[in-house]
Structures are given as C-alpha cells and as structure tokens.
Amino acid sequence: MIEIGRVIVKLAGRDAGKKGLIIDILDNKFVMIDGETRRRKCNILHLEPLNQVVKVKKNASHEEVAKALKEIGVEARETKPKPKSQKPRTKRKTPEQLREQKQEKKKSLGFFKSKAKKAEAKQETTLEEKAGLEAKEAKPAEKKESKPKDKPKKPAVKKEK
C-alpha cells in the first residue's frame, strides 16, 4: 500500500488535511513526502494513502511532483523566494558630533540639578525667615547665660538598718 508515487492525505501536524505524494521510502516507519505539504520526512501512521498512484521517480524534484499532481487535479505548494534587500546601515558619528552629544547630555543633567539646588535654597531661606534664626537665637542664648540652672534634686533614700 505504501509505494513511491502513492497519493496521500496528511493526518497530523500543521499540514494536516493536505494532499501529497510519497517520493521515497526511508524505512519501515518513515517516508519522504511532497506536494501541497512541505517536502519532509513523515511517519506513515500520520498519512492516509489514497487509491491513486502517479508515476514518479524516486527522489523526484518538486517541479516533477507539481506536474504529476496537476494531472490529477491537485496544486502543489509554491514558495516565493524572499526579495533580497540590504540592511539599512547606520552612519558612524564623528568625534565632533560625539562631543556635542556629551555636552547636550551634561546640559540636560545640569538643568535638573539647578532646579534641585534652587529648591534647596528656597527651603533654607524660608526656614530662616520662618524661624528668624539670626534675631531670635541671640536673645534666648543671653537669657540662658543670665539665669543659672538649678540642678534637679534627687529624692533622699533612707537606709534601713
């Protein structure tokens, strides 16, 4: 039942349900197929042989298989070659351009740092204004010097004999 030129239907895999031809018998479990399916080695348990047999040589080319299948009314799988195109090449930057890029980066970093410094300066001035550090600190310091502090007295502990 499995012979070269036998028309088959593939049962398993992504080519399932597609017709093809047996081109070569590799061993008692595997055959080479081609047609609507991709040209590949396939397990015979994944194939359903049909009654039709086409005359094809062993290891026939895809064009020969396509002609044979056209005779029985089945179209073979056609692949289109990819158009060749060149990769877009990136231009290398000159040392001058690299220096300019670094300077721009530093400027952008300096821009964010200057905002942070300004914010810190504003906080310092606002704290000084709120607390009035220069004017009010001098007065409490003088008061502390003029009044000697009394040390807190410890409660007397009685010793028992």
Protein backbone atom coordinates (compact mmCIF):
# COMPACT_ATOMS: atom_id res chain seq x y z
CA MET A 1 0.00 0.00 0.00
CA ILE A 2 2.93 2.36 0.75
CA GLU A 3 4.83 2.83 -2.51
CA ILE A 4 6.60 5.60 -4.40
CA GLY A 5 4.07 7.75 -6.29
CA ARG A 6 1.12 6.94 -3.96
CA VAL A 7 -1.16 9.93 -3.35
CA ILE A 8 -1.67 10.53 0.40
CA VAL A 9 -3.52 12.85 2.75
CA LYS A 10 -1.58 14.05 5.78
CA LEU A 11 -3.45 13.45 9.06
CA ALA A 12 -1.20 15.10 11.68
CA GLY A 13 0.75 18.31 12.04
CA ARG A 14 0.31 21.74 10.53
CA ASP A 15 -0.07 20.24 7.04
CA ALA A 16 -2.99 18.05 8.18
CA GLY A 17 -5.69 17.58 5.53
CA LYS A 18 -3.36 18.40 2.62
CA LYS A 19 -2.54 16.02 -0.22
CA GLY A 20 0.89 14.92 -1.36
CA LEU A 21 2.94 12.17 -2.94
CA ILE A 22 5.28 9.61 -1.46
CA ILE A 23 8.66 10.30 -3.08
CA ASP A 24 10.91 7.97 -1.11
CA ILE A 25 10.58 5.17 1.44
CA LEU A 26 13.18 5.77 4.15
CA ASP A 27 12.47 2.73 6.37
CA ASN A 28 9.50 0.72 7.62
CA LYS A 29 8.07 3.72 9.55
CA PHE A 30 9.12 6.84 7.64
CA VAL A 31 8.63 8.14 4.09
CA MET A 32 9.55 11.34 2.25
CA ILE A 33 6.52 13.30 1.01
CA ASP A 34 5.98 16.37 -1.17
CA GLY A 35 3.03 18.19 -2.76
CA GLU A 36 0.57 20.55 -1.08
CA THR A 37 2.54 19.77 2.08
CA ARG A 38 6.08 20.77 2.79
CA ARG A 39 8.73 18.37 1.46
CA ARG A 40 9.71 16.37 4.51
CA LYS A 41 10.17 13.08 6.28
CA CYS A 42 6.87 11.83 7.69
CA ASN A 43 5.68 8.93 9.84
CA ILE A 44 3.42 6.56 7.85
CA LEU A 45 0.99 6.49 10.80
CA HIS A 46 0.35 10.20 10.11
CA LEU A 47 -0.65 9.51 6.49
CA GLU A 48 -3.81 8.20 4.83
CA PRO A 49 -2.97 6.57 1.47
CA LEU A 50 -5.49 7.12 -1.34
CA ASN A 51 -6.28 4.78 -4.26
CA GLN A 52 -4.46 6.93 -6.83
CA VAL A 53 -0.88 6.20 -7.86
CA VAL A 54 1.19 8.55 -10.06
CA LYS A 55 4.34 7.59 -11.94
CA VAL A 56 7.21 9.47 -10.28
CA LYS A 57 10.90 8.63 -9.93
CA LYS A 58 12.46 8.05 -6.52
CA ASN A 59 13.58 11.41 -5.01
CA ALA A 60 11.80 13.38 -7.75
CA SER A 61 12.27 17.16 -7.75
CA HIS A 62 9.48 19.46 -6.59
CA GLU A 63 8.77 20.55 -10.20
CA GLU A 64 8.23 16.91 -11.27
CA VAL A 65 5.93 16.31 -8.30
CA ALA A 66 3.98 19.50 -9.12
CA LYS A 67 3.46 18.35 -12.74
CA ALA A 68 2.30 14.88 -11.63
CA LEU A 69 -0.16 16.36 -9.09
CA LYS A 70 -1.51 18.82 -11.68
CA GLU A 71 -2.50 15.83 -13.85
CA ILE A 72 -4.76 14.50 -11.09
CA GLY A 73 -6.11 17.99 -10.21
CA VAL A 74 -4.10 18.87 -7.09
CA GLU A 75 -1.97 22.01 -6.87
CA ALA A 76 1.45 21.69 -5.30
CA ARG A 77 2.77 24.12 -2.73
CA GLU A 78 4.66 27.02 -4.29
CA THR A 79 7.17 29.02 -2.28
CA LYS A 80 8.19 32.53 -3.18
CA PRO A 81 11.80 33.44 -2.62
CA LYS A 82 12.30 36.43 -0.35
CA PRO A 83 13.39 39.57 -2.19
CA LYS A 84 16.98 40.44 -1.37
CA SER A 85 17.36 43.77 0.32
CA GLN A 86 20.24 45.49 2.04
CA LYS A 87 20.18 46.25 5.70
CA PRO A 88 19.98 49.95 6.42
CA ARG A 89 23.41 50.96 7.66
CA THR A 90 23.73 53.44 10.48
CA LYS A 91 26.20 56.25 9.95
CA ARG A 92 29.02 56.47 12.44
CA LYS A 93 29.21 59.72 14.35
CA THR A 94 32.28 61.88 14.08
CA PRO A 95 34.23 62.76 17.23
CA GLU A 96 32.83 66.31 16.99
CA GLN A 97 29.29 65.01 16.98
CA LEU A 98 30.04 62.78 19.96
CA ARG A 99 31.44 65.78 21.90
CA GLU A 100 28.34 67.81 21.10
CA GLN A 101 26.13 64.96 22.24
CA LYS A 102 28.01 64.71 25.55
CA GLN A 103 27.72 68.47 26.10
CA GLU A 104 23.97 68.35 25.46
CA LYS A 105 23.67 65.49 27.95
CA LYS A 106 25.60 67.47 30.57
CA LYS A 107 23.39 70.50 29.97
CA SER A 108 20.25 68.44 30.41
CA LEU A 109 21.63 66.91 33.61
CA GLY A 110 22.71 70.37 34.82
CA PHE A 111 19.21 71.65 34.12
CA PHE A 112 17.71 69.15 36.57
CA LYS A 113 20.45 69.74 39.16
CA SER A 114 19.98 73.51 39.08
CA LYS A 115 16.28 73.08 39.83
CA ALA A 116 17.13 70.88 42.80
CA LYS A 117 19.67 73.42 44.10
CA LYS A 118 17.14 76.24 43.72
CA ALA A 119 14.57 74.25 45.63
CA GLU A 120 17.08 73.62 48.45
CA ALA A 121 17.99 77.30 48.55
CA LYS A 122 14.33 78.28 48.77
CA GLN A 123 13.80 75.83 51.62
CA GLU A 124 16.79 77.25 53.51
CA THR A 125 15.63 80.84 53.12
CA THR A 126 12.08 80.02 54.02
CA LEU A 127 13.27 78.20 57.13
CA GLU A 128 15.43 81.16 58.11
CA GLU A 129 12.56 83.54 57.56
CA LYS A 130 10.14 81.36 59.48
CA ALA A 131 12.46 80.73 62.38
CA GLY A 132 14.25 84.09 62.29
CA LEU A 133 17.44 82.34 63.27
CA GLU A 134 19.73 85.38 63.48
CA ALA A 135 17.49 87.66 65.52
CA LYS A 136 15.69 85.23 67.83
CA GLU A 137 18.56 82.85 68.59
CA ALA A 138 20.69 85.56 70.18
CA LYS A 139 18.01 86.52 72.74
CA PRO A 140 17.29 83.06 74.16
CA ALA A 141 21.03 82.36 74.38
CA GLU A 142 21.53 85.51 76.53
CA LYS A 143 18.68 84.55 78.81
CA LYS A 144 20.16 81.12 79.35
CA GLU A 145 23.50 82.62 80.33
CA SER A 146 21.97 85.10 82.78
CA LYS A 147 19.94 82.54 84.67
CA PRO A 148 21.91 79.75 86.26
CA LYS A 149 20.13 76.44 86.03
CA ASP A 150 19.19 74.64 89.20
CA LYS A 151 20.08 71.02 89.23
CA PRO A 152 17.12 68.81 89.94
CA LYS A 153 17.25 67.36 93.42
CA LYS A 154 17.19 63.65 93.87
CA PRO A 155 14.78 62.35 96.49
CA ALA A 156 16.57 61.20 99.59
CA VAL A 157 16.67 57.48 100.05
CA LYS A 158 16.52 56.27 103.63
CA LYS A 159 18.73 53.40 104.55
CA GLU A 160 17.28 50.84 106.86
CA LYS A 161 19.41 49.02 109.39
